[in-house]
C-alpha atoms as a PDB file:
ATOM      1  CA  MET A   1     -56.979-205.133-163.982  1.00  0.00           C
ATOM      2  CA  ALA A   2     -57.808-208.156-164.037  1.00  0.00           C
ATOM      3  CA  ALA A   3     -59.716-210.352-167.310  1.00  0.00           C
ATOM      4  CA  VAL A   4     -63.343-211.190-166.456  1.00  0.00           C
ATOM      5  CA  THR A   5     -66.251-213.395-168.058  1.00  0.00           C
ATOM      6  CA  ILE A   6     -69.526-212.739-167.324  1.00  0.00           C
ATOM      7  CA  ILE A   7     -71.771-215.411-168.259  1.00  0.00           C
ATOM      8  CA  GLY A   8     -75.338-214.455-169.641  1.00  0.00           C
ATOM      9  CA  ALA A   9     -75.823-211.100-171.641  1.00  0.00           C
ATOM     10  CA  VAL A  10     -79.764-210.442-170.786  1.00  0.00           C
ATOM     11  CA  MET A  11     -80.639-207.532-168.044  1.00  0.00           C
ATOM     12  CA  MET A  12     -78.834-207.939-165.157  1.00  0.00           C
ATOM     13  CA  GLY A  13     -75.219-209.403-165.990  1.00  0.00           C
ATOM     14  CA  THR A  14     -74.862-206.985-169.400  1.00  0.00           C
ATOM     15  CA  ALA A  15     -75.300-204.623-166.605  1.00  0.00           C
ATOM     16  CA  MET A  16     -72.421-205.860-164.894  1.00  0.00           C
ATOM     17  CA  CYS A  17     -70.068-204.657-167.708  1.00  0.00           C
ATOM     18  CA  TRP A  18     -70.411-200.793-166.482  1.00  0.00           C
ATOM     19  CA  PRO A  19     -68.611-200.775-163.138  1.00  0.00           C
ATOM     20  CA  LEU A  20     -66.307-203.725-164.218  1.00  0.00           C
ATOM     21  CA  ALA A  21     -64.894-201.169-167.525  1.00  0.00           C
ATOM     22  CA  ASP A  22     -65.051-198.088-165.431  1.00  0.00           C
ATOM     23  CA  ARG A  23     -62.948-200.152-163.601  1.00  0.00           C
ATOM     24  CA  ALA A  24     -60.685-200.862-166.844  1.00  0.00           C
ATOM     25  CA  HIS A  25     -61.141-204.564-166.262  1.00  0.00           C
ATOM     26  CA  THR A  26     -60.975-206.743-169.285  1.00  0.00           C
ATOM     27  CA  VAL A  27     -65.030-207.856-170.182  1.00  0.00           C
ATOM     28  CA  ARG A  28     -66.448-210.594-171.844  1.00  0.00           C
ATOM     29  CA  LEU A  29     -69.584-210.964-172.331  1.00  0.00           C
ATOM     30  CA  VAL A  30     -70.771-214.875-173.118  1.00  0.00           C
ATOM     31  CA  GLY A  31     -74.425-214.787-174.153  1.00  0.00           C
ATOM     32  CA  THR A  32     -76.573-218.589-173.567  1.00  0.00           C
ATOM     33  CA  PRO A  33     -78.717-220.111-176.895  1.00  0.00           C
ATOM     34  CA  LEU A  34     -80.869-218.450-175.700  1.00  0.00           C
ATOM     35  CA  ASP A  35     -79.570-214.611-176.110  1.00  0.00           C
ATOM     36  CA  GLU A  36     -77.962-215.301-179.353  1.00  0.00           C
ATOM     37  CA  ASP A  37     -80.082-211.866-180.541  1.00  0.00           C
ATOM     38  CA  ILE A  38     -78.766-209.998-177.562  1.00  0.00           C
ATOM     39  CA  ILE A  39     -75.157-211.099-178.673  1.00  0.00           C
ATOM     40  CA  ARG A  40     -75.814-210.461-182.434  1.00  0.00           C
ATOM     41  CA  SER A  41     -77.013-207.074-182.427  1.00  0.00           C
ATOM     42  CA  ILE A  42     -73.929-206.241-179.739  1.00  0.00           C
ATOM     43  CA  ARG A  43     -71.467-206.980-182.841  1.00  0.00           C
ATOM     44  CA  ARG A  44     -73.764-205.001-184.890  1.00  0.00           C
ATOM     45  CA  ASP A  45     -73.359-201.708-183.701  1.00  0.00           C
ATOM     46  CA  ARG A  46     -72.348-202.360-179.158  1.00  0.00           C
ATOM     47  CA  THR A  47     -76.028-201.781-178.858  1.00  0.00           C
ATOM     48  CA  HIS A  48     -77.806-203.931-175.879  1.00  0.00           C
ATOM     49  CA  PRO A  49     -81.716-204.913-177.073  1.00  0.00           C
ATOM     50  CA  ARG A  50     -82.949-205.184-173.496  1.00  0.00           C
ATOM     51  CA  LEU A  51     -81.068-202.044-171.986  1.00  0.00           C
ATOM     52  CA  GLU A  52     -81.422-200.291-174.981  1.00  0.00           C
ATOM     53  CA  ARG A  53     -77.777-198.373-174.837  1.00  0.00           C
ATOM     54  CA  GLU A  54     -74.871-199.297-176.403  1.00  0.00           C
ATOM     55  CA  ILE A  55     -71.992-201.092-174.014  1.00  0.00           C
ATOM     56  CA  PRO A  56     -69.092-199.895-172.599  1.00  0.00           C
ATOM     57  CA  PRO A  57     -66.263-199.715-174.856  1.00  0.00           C
ATOM     58  CA  GLY A  58     -63.478-203.016-174.488  1.00  0.00           C
ATOM     59  CA  VAL A  59     -66.417-205.055-173.982  1.00  0.00           C
ATOM     60  CA  GLU A  60     -66.014-208.348-176.495  1.00  0.00           C
ATOM     61  CA  PRO A  61     -69.191-210.088-176.576  1.00  0.00           C
ATOM     62  CA  PHE A  62     -69.569-213.970-177.687  1.00  0.00           C
ATOM     63  CA  PHE A  63     -71.611-216.790-178.712  1.00  0.00           C
ATOM     64  CA  ALA A  64     -72.389-219.984-175.942  1.00  0.00           C
ATOM     65  CA  GLU A  65     -70.378-221.729-178.892  1.00  0.00           C
ATOM     66  CA  GLU A  66     -67.713-219.543-177.870  1.00  0.00           C
ATOM     67  CA  LEU A  67     -67.875-219.920-174.333  1.00  0.00           C
ATOM     68  CA  PRO A  68     -64.812-221.870-173.248  1.00  0.00           C
ATOM     69  CA  GLU A  69     -62.441-219.061-175.391  1.00  0.00           C
ATOM     70  CA  ALA A  70     -64.033-216.361-173.772  1.00  0.00           C
ATOM     71  CA  VAL A  71     -63.329-218.215-170.192  1.00  0.00           C
ATOM     72  CA  GLN A  72     -59.959-219.030-171.022  1.00  0.00           C
ATOM     73  CA  GLY A  73     -57.280-217.089-168.357  1.00  0.00           C
ATOM     74  CA  ALA A  74     -60.079-215.513-166.921  1.00  0.00           C
ATOM     75  CA  GLU A  75     -59.658-214.188-163.457  1.00  0.00           C
ATOM     76  CA  LEU A  76     -63.235-214.361-162.336  1.00  0.00           C
ATOM     77  CA  ILE A  77     -66.766-215.177-163.438  1.00  0.00           C
ATOM     78  CA  ILE A  78     -69.839-213.711-163.445  1.00  0.00           C
ATOM     79  CA  SER A  79     -73.053-215.371-163.656  1.00  0.00           C
ATOM     80  CA  GLY A  80     -75.194-213.356-164.985  1.00  0.00           C
ATOM     81  CA  VAL A  81     -78.000-216.249-165.786  1.00  0.00           C
ATOM     82  CA  SER A  82     -81.713-216.589-164.638  1.00  0.00           C
ATOM     83  CA  SER A  83     -83.227-219.342-161.689  1.00  0.00           C
ATOM     84  CA  PHE A  84     -83.884-221.579-165.264  1.00  0.00           C
ATOM     85  CA  GLY A  85     -79.686-221.448-166.327  1.00  0.00           C
ATOM     86  CA  ILE A  86     -79.042-222.655-163.796  1.00  0.00           C
ATOM     87  CA  ASP A  87     -78.616-226.118-165.296  1.00  0.00           C
ATOM     88  CA  TRP A  88     -77.244-225.533-168.295  1.00  0.00           C
ATOM     89  CA  PHE A  89     -74.232-222.682-166.808  1.00  0.00           C
ATOM     90  CA  ALA A  90     -73.353-226.219-164.846  1.00  0.00           C
ATOM     91  CA  GLN A  91     -73.428-227.620-167.715  1.00  0.00           C
ATOM     92  CA  ALA A  92     -72.487-226.058-170.251  1.00  0.00           C
ATOM     93  CA  ALA A  93     -69.977-223.304-168.177  1.00  0.00           C
ATOM     94  CA  GLY A  94     -68.919-225.791-164.755  1.00  0.00           C
ATOM     95  CA  PRO A  95     -66.289-227.826-166.606  1.00  0.00           C
ATOM     96  CA  HIS A  96     -63.998-225.394-167.535  1.00  0.00           C
ATOM     97  CA  LEU A  97     -64.019-223.632-164.505  1.00  0.00           C
ATOM     98  CA  GLN A  98     -61.441-223.387-162.798  1.00  0.00           C
ATOM     99  CA  PRO A  99     -60.096-223.746-158.787  1.00  0.00           C
ATOM    100  CA  GLY A 100     -59.341-220.063-157.636  1.00  0.00           C
ATOM    101  CA  VAL A 101     -60.744-219.037-160.413  1.00  0.00           C
ATOM    102  CA  PRO A 102     -64.045-217.368-158.036  1.00  0.00           C
ATOM    103  CA  VAL A 103     -67.236-217.063-159.302  1.00  0.00           C
ATOM    104  CA  LEU A 104     -69.874-214.050-158.150  1.00  0.00           C
ATOM    105  CA  SER A 105     -73.604-214.609-159.403  1.00  0.00           C
ATOM    106  CA  VAL A 106     -76.492-212.557-159.562  1.00  0.00           C
ATOM    107  CA  THR A 107     -78.800-214.914-159.756  1.00  0.00           C
ATOM    108  CA  LYS A 108     -81.795-215.514-157.657  1.00  0.00           C
ATOM    109  CA  GLY A 109     -83.775-217.952-155.898  1.00  0.00           C
ATOM    110  CA  LEU A 110     -84.162-221.441-153.461  1.00  0.00           C
ATOM    111  CA  ALA A 111     -84.591-224.993-154.590  1.00  0.00           C
ATOM    112  CA  ASP A 112     -86.588-227.569-152.691  1.00  0.00           C
ATOM    113  CA  GLN A 113     -85.107-231.069-152.170  1.00  0.00           C
ATOM    114  CA  PRO A 114     -88.190-233.815-151.332  1.00  0.00           C
ATOM    115  CA  ASP A 115     -88.338-233.505-148.253  1.00  0.00           C
ATOM    116  CA  GLY A 116     -89.026-229.985-147.870  1.00  0.00           C
ATOM    117  CA  SER A 117     -85.533-228.653-147.493  1.00  0.00           C
ATOM    118  CA  LEU A 118     -84.583-225.436-149.437  1.00  0.00           C
ATOM    119  CA  LEU A 119     -81.097-224.338-150.789  1.00  0.00           C
ATOM    120  CA  THR A 120     -79.528-221.867-151.877  1.00  0.00           C
ATOM    121  CA  LEU A 121     -78.366-221.948-155.499  1.00  0.00           C
ATOM    122  CA  PRO A 122     -74.961-221.149-154.120  1.00  0.00           C
ATOM    123  CA  ASP A 123     -75.293-224.585-152.701  1.00  0.00           C
ATOM    124  CA  VAL A 124     -76.967-225.800-155.534  1.00  0.00           C
ATOM    125  CA  LEU A 125     -73.648-225.451-158.307  1.00  0.00           C
ATOM    126  CA  SER A 126     -71.944-226.403-154.689  1.00  0.00           C
ATOM    127  CA  ARG A 127     -72.695-229.550-154.527  1.00  0.00           C
ATOM    128  CA  ARG A 128     -72.624-229.925-158.442  1.00  0.00           C
ATOM    129  CA  LEU A 129     -69.724-228.672-158.965  1.00  0.00           C
ATOM    130  CA  PRO A 130     -67.616-228.707-156.107  1.00  0.00           C
ATOM    131  CA  GLY A 131     -63.751-227.230-155.919  1.00  0.00           C
ATOM    132  CA  ILE A 132     -64.872-223.751-156.570  1.00  0.00           C
ATOM    133  CA  SER A 133     -65.706-220.695-154.888  1.00  0.00           C
ATOM    134  CA  PHE A 134     -69.583-220.110-155.689  1.00  0.00           C
ATOM    135  CA  ASN A 135     -70.699-217.098-154.173  1.00  0.00           C
ATOM    136  CA  ALA A 136     -73.310-214.062-154.918  1.00  0.00           C
ATOM    137  CA  ILE A 137     -75.188-210.830-154.924  1.00  0.00           C
ATOM    138  CA  GLY A 138     -77.816-209.489-153.947  1.00  0.00           C
ATOM    139  CA  GLY A 139     -79.329-205.727-151.947  1.00  0.00           C
ATOM    140  CA  PRO A 140     -80.992-202.713-154.195  1.00  0.00           C
ATOM    141  CA  CYS A 141     -79.704-203.491-157.865  1.00  0.00           C
ATOM    142  CA  ILE A 142     -82.571-202.547-161.157  1.00  0.00           C
ATOM    143  CA  ALA A 143     -79.942-203.391-164.981  1.00  0.00           C
ATOM    144  CA  HIS A 144     -81.347-199.915-166.251  1.00  0.00           C
ATOM    145  CA  GLU A 145     -80.156-198.015-163.271  1.00  0.00           C
ATOM    146  CA  LEU A 146     -76.673-199.803-162.700  1.00  0.00           C
ATOM    147  CA  ALA A 147     -75.619-199.856-166.408  1.00  0.00           C
ATOM    148  CA  ALA A 148     -77.162-195.767-166.426  1.00  0.00           C
ATOM    149  CA  ARG A 149     -74.316-195.508-163.268  1.00  0.00           C
ATOM    150  CA  ARG A 150     -77.193-194.591-160.484  1.00  0.00           C
ATOM    151  CA  GLN A 151     -75.581-194.449-156.958  1.00  0.00           C
ATOM    152  CA  THR A 152     -76.585-198.623-155.827  1.00  0.00           C
ATOM    153  CA  ALA A 153     -75.670-200.681-152.623  1.00  0.00           C
ATOM    154  CA  VAL A 154     -75.397-204.637-153.325  1.00  0.00           C
ATOM    155  CA  VAL A 155     -74.025-206.919-150.935  1.00  0.00           C
ATOM    156  CA  PHE A 156     -71.879-209.015-151.711  1.00  0.00           C
ATOM    157  CA  THR A 157     -71.848-212.635-149.922  1.00  0.00           C
ATOM    158  CA  GLY A 158     -69.473-215.467-150.245  1.00  0.00           C
ATOM    159  CA  PRO A 159     -68.534-218.044-147.441  1.00  0.00           C
ATOM    160  CA  ASP A 160     -65.094-216.905-147.631  1.00  0.00           C
ATOM    161  CA  ALA A 161     -64.397-213.215-146.289  1.00  0.00           C
ATOM    162  CA  GLU A 162     -60.939-212.903-148.176  1.00  0.00           C
ATOM    163  CA  ILE A 163     -62.290-213.378-151.994  1.00  0.00           C
ATOM    164  CA  LEU A 164     -65.340-211.167-150.924  1.00  0.00           C
ATOM    165  CA  SER A 165     -62.911-208.385-150.054  1.00  0.00           C
ATOM    166  CA  ARG A 166     -61.247-209.314-153.255  1.00  0.00           C
ATOM    167  CA  LEU A 167     -64.325-209.341-155.821  1.00  0.00           C
ATOM    168  CA  ARG A 168     -65.186-205.663-153.350  1.00  0.00           C
ATOM    169  CA  ASP A 169     -61.709-204.450-154.803  1.00  0.00           C
ATOM    170  CA  LEU A 170     -62.454-205.488-158.681  1.00  0.00           C
ATOM    171  CA  LEU A 171     -65.965-204.222-158.701  1.00  0.00           C
ATOM    172  CA  ALA A 172     -66.172-201.695-155.763  1.00  0.00           C
ATOM    173  CA  ALA A 173     -66.815-197.967-157.992  1.00  0.00           C
ATOM    174  CA  GLY A 174     -67.843-193.983-157.274  1.00  0.00           C
ATOM    175  CA  TYR A 175     -71.300-195.155-158.051  1.00  0.00           C
ATOM    176  CA  TYR A 176     -71.006-199.203-157.058  1.00  0.00           C
ATOM    177  CA  HIS A 177     -71.480-199.724-152.953  1.00  0.00           C
ATOM    178  CA  ILE A 178     -70.542-202.861-151.962  1.00  0.00           C
ATOM    179  CA  TRP A 179     -70.685-204.459-148.601  1.00  0.00           C
ATOM    180  CA  LEU A 180     -69.751-207.808-147.462  1.00  0.00           C
ATOM    181  CA  SER A 181     -71.568-210.979-145.321  1.00  0.00           C
ATOM    182  CA  THR A 182     -70.824-214.869-145.160  1.00  0.00           C
ATOM    183  CA  ASP A 183     -73.888-215.265-144.462  1.00  0.00           C
ATOM    184  CA  VAL A 184     -75.566-216.797-147.290  1.00  0.00           C
ATOM    185  CA  ALA A 185     -77.836-217.983-146.355  1.00  0.00           C
ATOM    186  CA  GLY A 186     -80.108-214.737-144.738  1.00  0.00           C
ATOM    187  CA  VAL A 187     -78.479-212.820-147.886  1.00  0.00           C
ATOM    188  CA  GLU A 188     -79.150-215.154-149.951  1.00  0.00           C
ATOM    189  CA  THR A 189     -83.136-216.691-148.841  1.00  0.00           C
ATOM    190  CA  CYS A 190     -83.735-212.632-149.522  1.00  0.00           C
ATOM    191  CA  ALA A 191     -82.494-212.122-152.706  1.00  0.00           C
ATOM    192  CA  ALA A 192     -85.026-215.185-153.287  1.00  0.00           C
ATOM    193  CA  LEU A 193     -88.191-214.332-151.476  1.00  0.00           C
ATOM    194  CA  LYS A 194     -87.913-210.751-153.056  1.00  0.00           C
ATOM    195  CA  ASN A 195     -89.546-212.186-156.014  1.00  0.00           C
ATOM    196  CA  ALA A 196     -92.677-213.768-154.608  1.00  0.00           C
ATOM    197  CA  TYR A 197     -93.342-211.375-151.946  1.00  0.00           C
ATOM    198  CA  ALA A 198     -92.949-208.536-155.023  1.00  0.00           C
ATOM    199  CA  LEU A 199     -96.291-210.052-156.656  1.00  0.00           C
ATOM    200  CA  ALA A 200     -97.981-209.521-152.687  1.00  0.00           C
ATOM    201  CA  VAL A 201     -97.605-205.888-152.868  1.00  0.00           C
ATOM    202  CA  GLY A 202     -98.423-205.587-156.739  1.00  0.00           C
ATOM    203  CA  LEU A 203    -101.864-207.517-156.056  1.00  0.00           C
ATOM    204  CA  ALA A 204    -103.062-204.226-154.244  1.00  0.00           C
ATOM    205  CA  VAL A 205    -101.788-201.820-157.023  1.00  0.00           C
ATOM    206  CA  GLY A 206    -104.225-203.770-159.190  1.00  0.00           C
ATOM    207  CA  MET A 207    -107.033-203.714-157.099  1.00  0.00           C
ATOM    208  CA  MET A 208    -106.476-200.254-156.689  1.00  0.00           C
ATOM    209  CA  GLU A 209    -106.701-199.871-160.516  1.00  0.00           C
ATOM    210  CA  ALA A 210    -109.579-201.998-160.195  1.00  0.00           C
ATOM    211  CA  ALA A 211    -111.520-200.348-158.474  1.00  0.00           C
ATOM    212  CA  GLY A 212    -110.921-196.543-160.083  1.00  0.00           C
ATOM    213  CA  PRO A 213    -109.664-193.154-159.098  1.00  0.00           C
ATOM    214  CA  ASP A 214    -110.543-191.847-155.298  1.00  0.00           C
ATOM    215  CA  GLY A 215    -108.991-188.068-155.664  1.00  0.00           C
ATOM    216  CA  LEU A 216    -106.565-188.859-153.518  1.00  0.00           C
ATOM    217  CA  ALA A 217    -106.630-192.007-152.115  1.00  0.00           C
ATOM    218  CA  HIS A 218    -104.160-194.560-153.704  1.00  0.00           C
ATOM    219  CA  SER A 219    -103.977-197.352-152.240  1.00  0.00           C
ATOM    220  CA  TYR A 220    -100.795-196.866-149.759  1.00  0.00           C
ATOM    221  CA  ASN A 221    -102.194-198.195-146.840  1.00  0.00           C
ATOM    222  CA  PRO A 222    -102.531-202.412-148.248  1.00  0.00           C
ATOM    223  CA  GLN A 223     -99.493-202.175-150.471  1.00  0.00           C
ATOM    224  CA  ALA A 224     -97.515-200.595-146.767  1.00  0.00           C
ATOM    225  CA  ALA A 225     -99.312-203.809-144.911  1.00  0.00           C
ATOM    226  CA  LEU A 226     -98.169-205.968-147.341  1.00  0.00           C
ATOM    227  CA  PHE A 227     -94.657-204.618-147.402  1.00  0.00           C
ATOM    228  CA  GLY A 228     -94.901-205.408-143.384  1.00  0.00           C
ATOM    229  CA  GLN A 229     -96.463-208.906-143.950  1.00  0.00           C
ATOM    230  CA  SER A 230     -93.876-209.919-146.231  1.00  0.00           C
ATOM    231  CA  CYS A 231     -90.507-208.908-144.710  1.00  0.00           C
ATOM    232  CA  TYR A 232     -92.544-211.023-141.371  1.00  0.00           C
ATOM    233  CA  GLU A 233     -92.504-214.094-143.319  1.00  0.00           C
ATOM    234  CA  MET A 234     -89.322-213.211-145.511  1.00  0.00           C
ATOM    235  CA  ARG A 235     -87.721-213.427-141.184  1.00  0.00           C
ATOM    236  CA  ARG A 236     -89.474-216.224-140.124  1.00  0.00           C
ATOM    237  CA  LEU A 237     -88.107-218.511-142.881  1.00  0.00           C
ATOM    238  CA  VAL A 238     -84.713-216.437-143.045  1.00  0.00           C
ATOM    239  CA  GLN A 239     -84.563-218.220-139.506  1.00  0.00           C
ATOM    240  CA  LEU A 240     -85.786-222.129-141.376  1.00  0.00           C
ATOM    241  CA  MET A 241     -81.855-220.918-143.132  1.00  0.00           C
ATOM    242  CA  GLY A 242     -80.589-220.477-140.461  1.00  0.00           C
ATOM    243  CA  GLY A 243     -79.691-216.573-141.635  1.00  0.00           C
ATOM    244  CA  GLY A 244     -79.695-214.068-139.679  1.00  0.00           C
ATOM    245  CA  GLU A 245     -82.663-212.080-139.051  1.00  0.00           C
ATOM    246  CA  GLY A 246     -80.508-208.401-139.244  1.00  0.00           C
ATOM    247  CA  ASN A 247     -81.048-208.746-142.840  1.00  0.00           C
ATOM    248  CA  VAL A 248     -84.656-208.154-143.552  1.00  0.00           C
ATOM    249  CA  ALA A 249     -83.430-204.969-141.394  1.00  0.00           C
ATOM    250  CA  TRP A 250     -81.308-203.682-144.501  1.00  0.00           C
ATOM    251  CA  LEU A 251     -80.381-204.346-148.277  1.00  0.00           C
ATOM    252  CA  PRO A 252     -81.565-208.331-149.062  1.00  0.00           C
ATOM    253  CA  GLY A 253     -84.256-207.702-147.578  1.00  0.00           C
ATOM    254  CA  PRO A 254     -86.169-204.272-147.512  1.00  0.00           C
ATOM    255  CA  GLY A 255     -84.331-202.711-149.493  1.00  0.00           C
ATOM    256  CA  ASP A 256     -84.534-205.305-152.396  1.00  0.00           C
ATOM    257  CA  LEU A 257     -88.506-205.564-151.884  1.00  0.00           C
ATOM    258  CA  TYR A 258     -88.850-202.377-152.065  1.00  0.00           C
ATOM    259  CA  VAL A 259     -86.717-201.255-155.555  1.00  0.00           C
ATOM    260  CA  THR A 260     -88.789-204.597-156.720  1.00  0.00           C
ATOM    261  CA  VAL A 261     -91.772-203.321-156.171  1.00  0.00           C
ATOM    262  CA  PHE A 262     -90.984-200.502-158.364  1.00  0.00           C
ATOM    263  CA  GLY A 263     -91.335-201.577-161.375  1.00  0.00           C
ATOM    264  CA  GLY A 264     -90.039-204.632-163.942  1.00  0.00           C
ATOM    265  CA  ARG A 265     -92.859-208.253-164.933  1.00  0.00           C
ATOM    266  CA  THR A 266     -93.288-208.787-161.062  1.00  0.00           C
ATOM    267  CA  VAL A 267     -95.132-205.724-160.503  1.00  0.00           C
ATOM    268  CA  ARG A 268     -96.431-206.455-163.530  1.00  0.00           C
ATOM    269  CA  LEU A 269     -98.181-209.847-163.265  1.00  0.00           C
ATOM    270  CA  GLY A 270     -99.124-208.558-159.527  1.00  0.00           C
ATOM    271  CA  LYS A 271    -101.378-205.464-160.875  1.00  0.00           C
ATOM    272  CA  MET A 272    -103.680-208.487-163.081  1.00  0.00           C
ATOM    273  CA  LEU A 273    -103.766-210.707-160.943  1.00  0.00           C
ATOM    274  CA  GLY A 274    -104.709-207.591-158.489  1.00  0.00           C
ATOM    275  CA  GLN A 275    -107.362-207.026-161.374  1.00  0.00           C
ATOM    276  CA  GLY A 276    -108.811-209.496-160.675  1.00  0.00           C
ATOM    277  CA  MET A 277    -106.878-211.553-164.276  1.00  0.00           C
ATOM    278  CA  PRO A 278    -106.577-215.188-163.478  1.00  0.00           C
ATOM    279  CA  PHE A 279    -103.115-216.722-163.362  1.00  0.00           C
ATOM    280  CA  ARG A 280    -103.744-218.698-166.663  1.00  0.00           C
ATOM    281  CA  GLU A 281    -104.752-215.430-169.051  1.00  0.00           C
ATOM    282  CA  ALA A 282    -101.938-213.512-167.161  1.00  0.00           C
ATOM    283  CA  ARG A 283     -99.493-216.307-168.166  1.00  0.00           C
ATOM    284  CA  ARG A 284    -100.707-216.184-171.869  1.00  0.00           C
ATOM    285  CA  ILE A 285     -99.901-212.254-171.883  1.00  0.00           C
ATOM    286  CA  LEU A 286     -95.956-212.326-170.431  1.00  0.00           C
ATOM    287  CA  ALA A 287     -95.660-215.067-172.412  1.00  0.00           C
ATOM    288  CA  GLY A 288     -91.989-215.106-173.168  1.00  0.00           C
ATOM    289  CA  VAL A 289     -91.116-213.498-170.237  1.00  0.00           C
ATOM    290  CA  THR A 290     -88.749-214.503-167.014  1.00  0.00           C
ATOM    291  CA  LEU A 291     -91.739-215.257-164.414  1.00  0.00           C
ATOM    292  CA  GLU A 292     -89.041-215.977-161.578  1.00  0.00           C
ATOM    293  CA  SER A 293     -91.503-215.223-159.003  1.00  0.00           C
ATOM    294  CA  VAL A 294     -94.316-217.844-159.375  1.00  0.00           C
ATOM    295  CA  GLU A 295     -90.684-220.478-159.624  1.00  0.00           C
ATOM    296  CA  ILE A 296     -90.053-219.298-155.539  1.00  0.00           C
ATOM    297  CA  VAL A 297     -93.223-219.245-154.543  1.00  0.00           C
ATOM    298  CA  THR A 298     -93.830-222.242-156.020  1.00  0.00           C
ATOM    299  CA  ARG A 299     -91.334-224.115-154.812  1.00  0.00           C
ATOM    300  CA  VAL A 300     -91.108-222.534-151.205  1.00  0.00           C
ATOM    301  CA  ALA A 301     -95.018-223.416-150.978  1.00  0.00           C
ATOM    302  CA  ARG A 302     -94.011-226.066-152.018  1.00  0.00           C
ATOM    303  CA  ALA A 303     -91.667-226.848-149.332  1.00  0.00           C
ATOM    304  CA  LEU A 304     -93.216-225.507-146.384  1.00  0.00           C
ATOM    305  CA  PRO A 305     -96.068-228.377-146.096  1.00  0.00           C
ATOM    306  CA  LYS A 306     -93.139-231.297-145.632  1.00  0.00           C
ATOM    307  CA  LEU A 307     -91.537-228.911-142.866  1.00  0.00           C
ATOM    308  CA  ALA A 308     -94.171-228.932-140.880  1.00  0.00           C
ATOM    309  CA  ALA A 309     -94.888-232.274-140.750  1.00  0.00           C
ATOM    310  CA  ARG A 310     -91.503-232.454-139.902  1.00  0.00           C
ATOM    311  CA  GLY A 311     -92.400-230.267-136.713  1.00  0.00           C
ATOM    312  CA  LEU A 312     -90.101-227.066-138.245  1.00  0.00           C
ATOM    313  CA  VAL A 313     -92.211-224.084-139.350  1.00  0.00           C
ATOM    314  CA  ASP A 314     -95.999-223.661-138.614  1.00  0.00           C
ATOM    315  CA  LEU A 315     -98.205-223.334-141.509  1.00  0.00           C
ATOM    316  CA  ALA A 316     -99.993-220.019-139.871  1.00  0.00           C
ATOM    317  CA  ASP A 317     -96.868-218.091-140.162  1.00  0.00           C
ATOM    318  CA  PHE A 318     -96.975-218.155-143.318  1.00  0.00           C
ATOM    319  CA  PRO A 319    -100.854-216.688-145.002  1.00  0.00           C
ATOM    320  CA  LEU A 320     -99.633-214.303-147.258  1.00  0.00           C
ATOM    321  CA  LEU A 321     -96.752-216.389-150.145  1.00  0.00           C
ATOM    322  CA  LEU A 322    -100.120-219.452-149.021  1.00  0.00           C
ATOM    323  CA  HIS A 323    -102.544-217.478-150.524  1.00  0.00           C
ATOM    324  CA  LEU A 324     -99.885-216.180-153.639  1.00  0.00           C
ATOM    325  CA  ASP A 325     -99.603-219.783-154.157  1.00  0.00           C
ATOM    326  CA  GLU A 326    -103.430-220.395-153.718  1.00  0.00           C
ATOM    327  CA  ILE A 327    -103.353-218.060-157.020  1.00  0.00           C
ATOM    328  CA  LEU A 328    -101.144-219.826-159.010  1.00  0.00           C
ATOM    329  CA  ASN A 329    -101.656-222.836-158.948  1.00  0.00           C
ATOM    330  CA  GLN A 330    -104.658-223.592-157.559  1.00  0.00           C
ATOM    331  CA  ASP A 331    -106.900-221.258-159.831  1.00  0.00           C
ATOM    332  CA  LYS A 332    -107.769-218.745-156.958  1.00  0.00           C
ATOM    333  CA  PRO A 333    -109.384-215.781-156.866  1.00  0.00           C
ATOM    334  CA  VAL A 334    -107.313-212.795-154.472  1.00  0.00           C
ATOM    335  CA  ALA A 335    -108.320-212.275-151.397  1.00  0.00           C
ATOM    336  CA  ILE A 336    -105.800-211.395-148.672  1.00  0.00           C
ATOM    337  CA  PRO A 337    -105.652-212.912-145.374  1.00  0.00           C
ATOM    338  CA  TRP A 338    -105.738-209.463-143.940  1.00  0.00           C
ATOM    339  CA  GLU A 339    -107.178-210.866-140.088  1.00  0.00           C
ATOM    340  CA  ARG A 340    -104.320-213.764-140.562  1.00  0.00           C
ATOM    341  CA  PHE A 341    -101.831-211.283-140.822  1.00  0.00           C
ATOM    342  CA  PHE A 342     -98.422-210.630-137.758  1.00  0.00           C
ATOM    343  CA  ARG A 343     -99.468-213.740-135.706  1.00  0.00           C
ATOM    344  CA  ALA A 344     -97.780-212.651-132.964  1.00  0.00           C
ATOM    345  CA  PRO A 345     -94.792-215.391-132.468  1.00  0.00           C
END
């Protein structure tokens, strides 16, 4: 048994309580300053209001100001914050992290630099907090399903294979299956981009709903084409990041994209846009909802022209992602550039 502290108590961070508790570990769940209602609910009746179920016995909840107490003696830290919470995590948790105590993150995202370079979030944290082992989880995993103990297959990624093996030994359960990869760039690039491209597939769903029912014609053809172009562009970006292209053939790429297409806020936004709703109106309706898909599209689209100017990419390889940026940030209507897809290498 080990003492494990989870920092971030929204969906996926809390869902990690289940495999940990089932392995009889001591689990401390720390909310961010935005999670106070969640921690208050758990303390009151053990119920997580977003997951709509009781958390496992033995999981102890902590408010953000109690973080120093919650991390004391921990043998593993799990970061359950969103990409918008990375700065808070570094500032609040950073001073309490100990060399030799690894961090395992469920956070998805990429950070663009002034020259257009893109960094994975483990790289961002490693630069800010040297001496700490930062690792991450990729692959298809919906928080509600993990909390329901549905069969789930994920990838743990980090630079040290020995640490990854130790993390798998701590967390593997009969329903939580873990593969290991030291290809941080490949796994994390896919993990971030799946949100952007799930938004793209959602456009076709919204376009179908706007057109109205047509017997047995459900618009699966355009969804599949968008899924295929998404994987094509994802492969190009994995190459750019120096990751292995094989990630776009298993869990980190199409696996995670597939599951994201089937629900959640990303596809809901895509449907709204596909129905013809301007992004500014969709954003108003989704006020208070974390839209990581918008952030990743914006960051990568901002980086690509700088990388193209340096001769590192060809913008013609990314018609779908750049059109998403036009929709989100330039107020353009949806006009999927079909004829520019699947450009020959």
